[in-house]
Amino acid sequence: MENKIDFIIPEDVIASVSQKISEIQTELKPYLIALSPDERRELPKMSDKTQPFVEKALAYSASAPQFAPPYMDTAGLANDMKVHEQLTPLLREIRMIYDNLDDTTMEAGAESYVCTLTYYNSVKMAAKMDIPGAKSIYEDLRKRFEKNTPEKEEE
């Protein structure tokens, strides 16, 4: 496996980024909501194909308001669309950062695990050869691979 993670991120960089994330969370908190999984599933989704339709309907509702039903909140529609337009670019940027963080974390974890398996197999062989000190390390590490089967009740 190629070693792509051949660096350590300086602690001051981690602290700085963490602080900036906290600042973003604090600044946006009054404007963000949280939806339940059911709410997310039930909502109609605004896609790239849907957005032009909504924009046209918004423009028509302003230029031809006589067709808007009395119960329709056209000001609310304009407000909702403005918030969507404001947050979408931020979401795209954060998704790119998220994807790269996720990929880097996954790669670092995979490299760590593969290297650890190499060490584990070496310890396993050393334990089979009765090399002093290997058995206790092997017994401790092998717990990761034990199957968790429910214990049988004694009758």
N, C-alpha and C. Protein backbone atom coordinates (compact mmCIF):
# COMPACT_ATOMS: atom_id res chain seq x y z
N MET A 1 0.85 -1.18 0.00
CA MET A 1 0.00 0.00 0.00
C MET A 1 0.89 1.24 0.00
N GLU A 2 0.58 2.15 -0.89
CA GLU A 2 1.35 3.39 -0.98
C GLU A 2 1.10 4.24 0.26
N ASN A 3 2.16 4.83 0.78
CA ASN A 3 2.04 5.69 1.96
C ASN A 3 1.73 7.12 1.51
N LYS A 4 0.45 7.45 1.42
CA LYS A 4 0.04 8.79 1.00
C LYS A 4 0.05 9.77 2.17
N ILE A 5 -0.07 9.25 3.36
CA ILE A 5 -0.11 10.11 4.55
C ILE A 5 1.28 10.12 5.16
N ASP A 6 2.14 10.91 4.58
CA ASP A 6 3.53 10.99 5.03
C ASP A 6 3.79 12.39 5.60
N PHE A 7 2.92 12.79 6.52
CA PHE A 7 3.03 14.11 7.12
C PHE A 7 2.32 14.09 8.47
N ILE A 8 2.62 15.06 9.28
CA ILE A 8 1.90 15.32 10.52
C ILE A 8 1.37 16.74 10.40
N ILE A 9 0.11 16.92 10.71
CA ILE A 9 -0.46 18.26 10.66
C ILE A 9 -0.03 18.98 11.93
N PRO A 10 0.60 20.14 11.80
CA PRO A 10 1.03 20.88 12.99
C PRO A 10 -0.15 21.18 13.92
N GLU A 11 0.07 21.05 15.20
CA GLU A 11 -0.99 21.27 16.19
C GLU A 11 -1.58 22.67 16.09
N ASP A 12 -0.76 23.66 15.74
CA ASP A 12 -1.29 25.02 15.62
C ASP A 12 -2.26 25.14 14.44
N VAL A 13 -2.05 24.34 13.40
CA VAL A 13 -2.98 24.33 12.26
C VAL A 13 -4.31 23.71 12.71
N ILE A 14 -4.24 22.58 13.42
CA ILE A 14 -5.46 21.93 13.92
C ILE A 14 -6.22 22.88 14.84
N ALA A 15 -5.51 23.54 15.75
CA ALA A 15 -6.15 24.47 16.69
C ALA A 15 -6.79 25.64 15.95
N SER A 16 -6.10 26.17 14.96
CA SER A 16 -6.61 27.30 14.19
C SER A 16 -7.87 26.92 13.41
N VAL A 17 -7.83 25.77 12.75
CA VAL A 17 -8.98 25.31 11.98
C VAL A 17 -10.16 25.03 12.91
N SER A 18 -9.89 24.40 14.03
CA SER A 18 -10.94 24.10 15.00
C SER A 18 -11.60 25.40 15.50
N GLN A 19 -10.79 26.39 15.77
CA GLN A 19 -11.31 27.70 16.21
C GLN A 19 -12.18 28.33 15.12
N LYS A 20 -11.73 28.24 13.88
CA LYS A 20 -12.51 28.82 12.77
C LYS A 20 -13.82 28.08 12.58
N ILE A 21 -13.81 26.77 12.75
CA ILE A 21 -15.06 25.99 12.65
C ILE A 21 -16.01 26.43 13.76
N SER A 22 -15.49 26.61 14.96
CA SER A 22 -16.33 27.09 16.08
C SER A 22 -16.92 28.46 15.76
N GLU A 23 -16.12 29.32 15.17
CA GLU A 23 -16.61 30.66 14.80
C GLU A 23 -17.72 30.57 13.77
N ILE A 24 -17.55 29.69 12.78
CA ILE A 24 -18.58 29.50 11.75
C ILE A 24 -19.86 28.98 12.40
N GLN A 25 -19.73 27.98 13.27
CA GLN A 25 -20.91 27.43 13.94
C GLN A 25 -21.63 28.51 14.76
N THR A 26 -20.87 29.29 15.49
CA THR A 26 -21.47 30.35 16.32
C THR A 26 -22.16 31.39 15.46
N GLU A 27 -21.52 31.79 14.38
CA GLU A 27 -22.08 32.83 13.52
C GLU A 27 -23.34 32.37 12.78
N LEU A 28 -23.36 31.11 12.35
CA LEU A 28 -24.51 30.62 11.59
C LEU A 28 -25.62 30.03 12.46
N LYS A 29 -25.32 29.73 13.72
CA LYS A 29 -26.28 29.04 14.59
C LYS A 29 -27.68 29.66 14.59
N PRO A 30 -27.82 30.98 14.65
CA PRO A 30 -29.18 31.54 14.67
C PRO A 30 -29.96 31.31 13.37
N TYR A 31 -29.27 30.92 12.32
CA TYR A 31 -29.91 30.81 11.01
C TYR A 31 -30.06 29.38 10.51
N LEU A 32 -29.57 28.42 11.28
CA LEU A 32 -29.63 27.02 10.84
C LEU A 32 -30.65 26.25 11.65
N ILE A 33 -31.26 25.26 11.02
CA ILE A 33 -32.22 24.39 11.68
C ILE A 33 -31.73 22.95 11.57
N ALA A 34 -32.33 22.08 12.35
CA ALA A 34 -32.04 20.65 12.28
C ALA A 34 -33.34 19.92 11.97
N LEU A 35 -33.29 19.06 10.97
CA LEU A 35 -34.46 18.28 10.58
C LEU A 35 -34.30 16.85 11.07
N SER A 36 -35.40 16.22 11.40
CA SER A 36 -35.37 14.80 11.75
C SER A 36 -35.21 14.00 10.46
N PRO A 37 -34.79 12.74 10.56
CA PRO A 37 -34.71 11.91 9.35
C PRO A 37 -36.04 11.82 8.60
N ASP A 38 -37.14 11.74 9.33
CA ASP A 38 -38.46 11.69 8.68
C ASP A 38 -38.76 13.00 7.95
N GLU A 39 -38.44 14.12 8.58
CA GLU A 39 -38.67 15.41 7.92
C GLU A 39 -37.84 15.53 6.65
N ARG A 40 -36.60 15.10 6.71
CA ARG A 40 -35.73 15.14 5.52
C ARG A 40 -36.30 14.29 4.39
N ARG A 41 -36.78 13.11 4.76
CA ARG A 41 -37.31 12.18 3.77
C ARG A 41 -38.57 12.74 3.11
N GLU A 42 -39.40 13.43 3.88
CA GLU A 42 -40.69 13.89 3.38
C GLU A 42 -40.62 15.19 2.58
N LEU A 43 -39.56 15.96 2.76
CA LEU A 43 -39.47 17.25 2.06
C LEU A 43 -39.21 17.07 0.56
N PRO A 44 -39.89 17.87 -0.28
CA PRO A 44 -39.51 17.88 -1.70
C PRO A 44 -38.12 18.51 -1.81
N LYS A 45 -37.31 17.99 -2.71
CA LYS A 45 -35.91 18.43 -2.81
C LYS A 45 -35.72 19.43 -3.94
N MET A 46 -34.92 20.47 -3.65
CA MET A 46 -34.56 21.47 -4.66
C MET A 46 -33.31 20.97 -5.36
N SER A 47 -33.44 20.58 -6.62
CA SER A 47 -32.30 20.09 -7.39
C SER A 47 -31.87 21.16 -8.39
N ASP A 48 -30.81 20.87 -9.11
CA ASP A 48 -30.34 21.81 -10.13
C ASP A 48 -31.39 22.03 -11.22
N LYS A 49 -32.22 21.01 -11.48
CA LYS A 49 -33.27 21.15 -12.47
C LYS A 49 -34.47 21.91 -11.91
N THR A 50 -34.69 21.78 -10.61
CA THR A 50 -35.83 22.41 -9.97
C THR A 50 -35.61 23.90 -9.73
N GLN A 51 -34.37 24.27 -9.46
CA GLN A 51 -34.08 25.67 -9.10
C GLN A 51 -34.54 26.66 -10.18
N PRO A 52 -34.26 26.44 -11.48
CA PRO A 52 -34.74 27.40 -12.49
C PRO A 52 -36.27 27.52 -12.50
N PHE A 53 -36.96 26.41 -12.26
CA PHE A 53 -38.42 26.43 -12.19
C PHE A 53 -38.89 27.34 -11.05
N VAL A 54 -38.26 27.17 -9.88
CA VAL A 54 -38.63 27.98 -8.72
C VAL A 54 -38.31 29.46 -8.98
N GLU A 55 -37.16 29.72 -9.59
CA GLU A 55 -36.78 31.11 -9.90
C GLU A 55 -37.78 31.76 -10.86
N LYS A 56 -38.20 31.00 -11.88
CA LYS A 56 -39.19 31.53 -12.84
C LYS A 56 -40.52 31.79 -12.15
N ALA A 57 -40.96 30.83 -11.34
CA ALA A 57 -42.24 31.00 -10.64
C ALA A 57 -42.19 32.19 -9.69
N LEU A 58 -41.05 32.38 -9.03
CA LEU A 58 -40.88 33.54 -8.15
C LEU A 58 -40.99 34.84 -8.94
N ALA A 59 -40.32 34.89 -10.09
CA ALA A 59 -40.38 36.09 -10.94
C ALA A 59 -41.80 36.33 -11.43
N TYR A 60 -42.48 35.27 -11.86
CA TYR A 60 -43.87 35.42 -12.32
C TYR A 60 -44.78 35.86 -11.19
N SER A 61 -44.55 35.34 -9.99
CA SER A 61 -45.42 35.72 -8.87
C SER A 61 -45.28 37.20 -8.53
N ALA A 62 -44.12 37.78 -8.85
CA ALA A 62 -43.92 39.22 -8.63
C ALA A 62 -44.52 40.04 -9.77
N SER A 63 -44.37 39.55 -11.00
CA SER A 63 -44.85 40.33 -12.16
C SER A 63 -46.33 40.07 -12.46
N ALA A 64 -46.86 38.96 -12.04
CA ALA A 64 -48.28 38.64 -12.27
C ALA A 64 -48.89 38.11 -10.97
N PRO A 65 -48.96 38.94 -9.94
CA PRO A 65 -49.43 38.48 -8.63
C PRO A 65 -50.90 38.07 -8.61
N GLN A 66 -51.66 38.46 -9.61
CA GLN A 66 -53.08 38.11 -9.65
C GLN A 66 -53.31 36.60 -9.72
N PHE A 67 -52.29 35.85 -10.14
CA PHE A 67 -52.44 34.40 -10.24
C PHE A 67 -52.04 33.66 -8.96
N ALA A 68 -51.49 34.39 -8.01
CA ALA A 68 -51.10 33.75 -6.75
C ALA A 68 -52.34 33.55 -5.89
N PRO A 69 -52.54 32.35 -5.40
CA PRO A 69 -53.70 32.13 -4.52
C PRO A 69 -53.57 32.97 -3.25
N PRO A 70 -54.68 33.35 -2.66
CA PRO A 70 -54.63 34.25 -1.50
C PRO A 70 -53.86 33.66 -0.30
N TYR A 71 -53.81 32.36 -0.21
CA TYR A 71 -53.11 31.73 0.92
C TYR A 71 -51.60 31.59 0.67
N MET A 72 -51.15 31.95 -0.53
CA MET A 72 -49.72 31.82 -0.85
C MET A 72 -48.95 33.02 -0.33
N ASP A 73 -47.88 32.74 0.39
CA ASP A 73 -47.02 33.79 0.97
C ASP A 73 -45.89 34.08 -0.01
N THR A 74 -46.11 35.02 -0.93
CA THR A 74 -45.09 35.32 -1.95
C THR A 74 -43.85 35.97 -1.33
N ALA A 75 -44.04 36.76 -0.27
CA ALA A 75 -42.87 37.34 0.41
C ALA A 75 -42.05 36.22 1.06
N GLY A 76 -42.73 35.25 1.64
CA GLY A 76 -42.05 34.09 2.23
C GLY A 76 -41.31 33.28 1.18
N LEU A 77 -41.91 33.15 0.00
CA LEU A 77 -41.25 32.45 -1.10
C LEU A 77 -39.96 33.16 -1.48
N ALA A 78 -40.02 34.47 -1.61
CA ALA A 78 -38.82 35.24 -1.97
C ALA A 78 -37.75 35.11 -0.88
N ASN A 79 -38.18 35.15 0.37
CA ASN A 79 -37.25 35.00 1.49
C ASN A 79 -36.59 33.62 1.47
N ASP A 80 -37.40 32.57 1.30
CA ASP A 80 -36.87 31.20 1.28
C ASP A 80 -35.85 31.03 0.16
N MET A 81 -36.17 31.59 -1.00
CA MET A 81 -35.26 31.46 -2.14
C MET A 81 -33.96 32.21 -1.88
N LYS A 82 -34.04 33.36 -1.25
CA LYS A 82 -32.84 34.14 -0.93
C LYS A 82 -31.94 33.35 0.02
N VAL A 83 -32.52 32.75 1.04
CA VAL A 83 -31.73 31.95 1.99
C VAL A 83 -31.10 30.75 1.28
N HIS A 84 -31.86 30.12 0.39
CA HIS A 84 -31.33 28.99 -0.38
C HIS A 84 -30.12 29.44 -1.21
N GLU A 85 -30.25 30.58 -1.86
CA GLU A 85 -29.16 31.11 -2.69
C GLU A 85 -27.95 31.51 -1.85
N GLN A 86 -28.17 31.97 -0.62
CA GLN A 86 -27.07 32.35 0.25
C GLN A 86 -26.31 31.13 0.77
N LEU A 87 -27.05 30.10 1.16
CA LEU A 87 -26.42 28.95 1.82
C LEU A 87 -25.84 27.92 0.85
N THR A 88 -26.39 27.83 -0.35
CA THR A 88 -25.92 26.80 -1.30
C THR A 88 -24.43 26.90 -1.60
N PRO A 89 -23.87 28.08 -1.88
CA PRO A 89 -22.42 28.13 -2.13
C PRO A 89 -21.60 27.72 -0.89
N LEU A 90 -22.07 28.10 0.30
CA LEU A 90 -21.37 27.69 1.52
C LEU A 90 -21.40 26.17 1.67
N LEU A 91 -22.56 25.59 1.41
CA LEU A 91 -22.70 24.14 1.51
C LEU A 91 -21.77 23.43 0.53
N ARG A 92 -21.67 23.94 -0.67
CA ARG A 92 -20.78 23.33 -1.67
C ARG A 92 -19.32 23.37 -1.20
N GLU A 93 -18.90 24.51 -0.66
CA GLU A 93 -17.52 24.63 -0.18
C GLU A 93 -17.27 23.68 0.99
N ILE A 94 -18.22 23.63 1.92
CA ILE A 94 -18.06 22.75 3.08
C ILE A 94 -18.08 21.28 2.65
N ARG A 95 -18.90 20.94 1.67
CA ARG A 95 -18.91 19.55 1.18
C ARG A 95 -17.56 19.16 0.59
N MET A 96 -16.94 20.08 -0.14
CA MET A 96 -15.61 19.78 -0.71
C MET A 96 -14.60 19.55 0.41
N ILE A 97 -14.64 20.42 1.43
CA ILE A 97 -13.75 20.24 2.58
C ILE A 97 -14.07 18.93 3.29
N TYR A 98 -15.35 18.66 3.50
CA TYR A 98 -15.77 17.42 4.16
C TYR A 98 -15.26 16.20 3.39
N ASP A 99 -15.47 16.20 2.09
CA ASP A 99 -15.03 15.06 1.27
C ASP A 99 -13.53 14.83 1.40
N ASN A 100 -12.75 15.90 1.36
CA ASN A 100 -11.30 15.76 1.48
C ASN A 100 -10.88 15.34 2.88
N LEU A 101 -11.55 15.87 3.91
CA LEU A 101 -11.28 15.42 5.28
C LEU A 101 -11.61 13.94 5.43
N ASP A 102 -12.75 13.54 4.89
CA ASP A 102 -13.18 12.15 4.98
C ASP A 102 -12.20 11.23 4.25
N ASP A 103 -11.79 11.62 3.05
CA ASP A 103 -10.83 10.81 2.29
C ASP A 103 -9.49 10.70 3.01
N THR A 104 -9.02 11.81 3.54
CA THR A 104 -7.72 11.81 4.23
C THR A 104 -7.79 10.98 5.50
N THR A 105 -8.87 11.12 6.25
CA THR A 105 -9.05 10.33 7.47
C THR A 105 -9.14 8.84 7.14
N MET A 106 -9.88 8.51 6.07
CA MET A 106 -10.01 7.12 5.66
C MET A 106 -8.66 6.54 5.25
N GLU A 107 -7.90 7.29 4.47
CA GLU A 107 -6.58 6.83 4.03
C GLU A 107 -5.65 6.65 5.22
N ALA A 108 -5.64 7.62 6.14
CA ALA A 108 -4.77 7.51 7.32
C ALA A 108 -5.15 6.30 8.16
N GLY A 109 -6.44 6.07 8.32
CA GLY A 109 -6.90 4.90 9.07
C GLY A 109 -6.52 3.60 8.39
N ALA A 110 -6.69 3.55 7.08
CA ALA A 110 -6.35 2.33 6.32
C ALA A 110 -4.85 2.05 6.40
N GLU A 111 -4.04 3.09 6.23
CA GLU A 111 -2.59 2.90 6.31
C GLU A 111 -2.19 2.42 7.70
N SER A 112 -2.80 3.00 8.73
CA SER A 112 -2.50 2.58 10.10
C SER A 112 -2.89 1.12 10.31
N TYR A 113 -4.07 0.75 9.85
CA TYR A 113 -4.56 -0.61 10.05
C TYR A 113 -3.71 -1.63 9.30
N VAL A 114 -3.37 -1.34 8.06
CA VAL A 114 -2.54 -2.27 7.27
C VAL A 114 -1.18 -2.46 7.93
N CYS A 115 -0.59 -1.38 8.38
CA CYS A 115 0.72 -1.47 9.05
C CYS A 115 0.59 -2.27 10.35
N THR A 116 -0.49 -2.03 11.08
CA THR A 116 -0.73 -2.75 12.32
C THR A 116 -0.92 -4.24 12.07
N LEU A 117 -1.61 -4.59 11.00
CA LEU A 117 -1.79 -6.01 10.67
C LEU A 117 -0.44 -6.67 10.38
N THR A 118 0.46 -5.94 9.75
CA THR A 118 1.80 -6.46 9.50
C THR A 118 2.49 -6.76 10.83
N TYR A 119 2.40 -5.82 11.76
CA TYR A 119 3.00 -6.02 13.08
C TYR A 119 2.33 -7.20 13.79
N TYR A 120 1.01 -7.24 13.75
CA TYR A 120 0.26 -8.31 14.41
C TYR A 120 0.68 -9.68 13.88
N ASN A 121 0.78 -9.81 12.56
CA ASN A 121 1.18 -11.10 11.98
C ASN A 121 2.60 -11.47 12.37
N SER A 122 3.46 -10.50 12.50
CA SER A 122 4.83 -10.76 12.94
C SER A 122 4.84 -11.25 14.39
N VAL A 123 4.04 -10.60 15.24
CA VAL A 123 3.94 -11.03 16.65
C VAL A 123 3.32 -12.43 16.72
N LYS A 124 2.35 -12.70 15.89
CA LYS A 124 1.69 -14.01 15.87
C LYS A 124 2.70 -15.10 15.54
N MET A 125 3.52 -14.85 14.53
CA MET A 125 4.56 -15.82 14.16
C MET A 125 5.57 -15.98 15.29
N ALA A 126 5.95 -14.87 15.91
CA ALA A 126 6.90 -14.94 17.02
C ALA A 126 6.32 -15.72 18.19
N ALA A 127 5.03 -15.57 18.45
CA ALA A 127 4.38 -16.32 19.54
C ALA A 127 4.37 -17.81 19.22
N LYS A 128 4.11 -18.17 17.96
CA LYS A 128 4.13 -19.58 17.56
C LYS A 128 5.52 -20.18 17.70
N MET A 129 6.53 -19.33 17.57
CA MET A 129 7.91 -19.81 17.69
C MET A 129 8.41 -19.68 19.14
N ASP A 130 7.49 -19.35 20.06
CA ASP A 130 7.82 -19.22 21.49
C ASP A 130 8.93 -18.21 21.77
N ILE A 131 8.93 -17.13 21.04
CA ILE A 131 9.91 -16.07 21.29
C ILE A 131 9.44 -15.30 22.52
N PRO A 132 10.31 -15.12 23.51
CA PRO A 132 9.91 -14.47 24.76
C PRO A 132 9.28 -13.09 24.51
N GLY A 133 8.18 -12.83 25.23
CA GLY A 133 7.48 -11.55 25.16
C GLY A 133 6.41 -11.48 24.08
N ALA A 134 6.46 -12.35 23.11
CA ALA A 134 5.52 -12.28 21.98
C ALA A 134 4.13 -12.76 22.36
N LYS A 135 4.06 -13.80 23.20
CA LYS A 135 2.76 -14.41 23.50
C LYS A 135 1.82 -13.41 24.18
N SER A 136 2.30 -12.64 25.15
CA SER A 136 1.40 -11.70 25.85
C SER A 136 0.90 -10.61 24.90
N ILE A 137 1.77 -10.15 24.01
CA ILE A 137 1.35 -9.14 23.03
C ILE A 137 0.32 -9.75 22.09
N TYR A 138 0.60 -10.96 21.61
CA TYR A 138 -0.31 -11.64 20.70
C TYR A 138 -1.68 -11.86 21.36
N GLU A 139 -1.68 -12.34 22.60
CA GLU A 139 -2.94 -12.60 23.30
C GLU A 139 -3.76 -11.32 23.45
N ASP A 140 -3.08 -10.22 23.70
CA ASP A 140 -3.78 -8.95 23.84
C ASP A 140 -4.34 -8.46 22.50
N LEU A 141 -3.53 -8.53 21.46
CA LEU A 141 -3.96 -8.03 20.15
C LEU A 141 -4.99 -8.92 19.47
N ARG A 142 -4.94 -10.21 19.73
CA ARG A 142 -5.86 -11.12 19.02
C ARG A 142 -7.31 -10.93 19.43
N LYS A 143 -7.54 -10.24 20.54
CA LYS A 143 -8.92 -9.98 20.98
C LYS A 143 -9.71 -9.26 19.89
N ARG A 144 -9.04 -8.50 19.08
CA ARG A 144 -9.71 -7.77 17.99
C ARG A 144 -10.39 -8.73 17.02
N PHE A 145 -9.85 -9.93 16.88
CA PHE A 145 -10.34 -10.87 15.87
C PHE A 145 -11.22 -11.97 16.45
N GLU A 146 -11.45 -11.95 17.75
CA GLU A 146 -12.31 -12.97 18.36
C GLU A 146 -13.75 -12.67 17.99
N LYS A 147 -14.49 -13.71 17.71
CA LYS A 147 -15.90 -13.56 17.38
C LYS A 147 -16.68 -13.37 18.67
N ASN A 148 -17.59 -12.43 18.65
CA ASN A 148 -18.43 -12.18 19.82
C ASN A 148 -19.69 -13.03 19.72
N THR A 149 -19.61 -14.22 20.26
CA THR A 149 -20.78 -15.10 20.26
C THR A 149 -21.36 -15.08 21.66
N PRO A 150 -22.68 -15.12 21.76
CA PRO A 150 -23.29 -15.10 23.09
C PRO A 150 -22.85 -16.34 23.88
N GLU A 151 -22.52 -16.10 25.13
CA GLU A 151 -22.09 -17.22 25.95
C GLU A 151 -23.27 -18.12 26.24
N LYS A 152 -23.00 -19.43 26.22
CA LYS A 152 -24.06 -20.40 26.50
C LYS A 152 -24.33 -20.40 28.00
N GLU A 153 -25.62 -20.43 28.32
CA GLU A 153 -25.99 -20.49 29.73
C GLU A 153 -25.72 -21.88 30.26
N GLU A 154 -25.18 -21.93 31.45
CA GLU A 154 -24.94 -23.23 32.07
C GLU A 154 -26.25 -23.75 32.60
N GLU A 155 -26.48 -25.04 32.39
CA GLU A 155 -27.75 -25.63 32.83
C GLU A 155 -27.62 -26.29 34.15
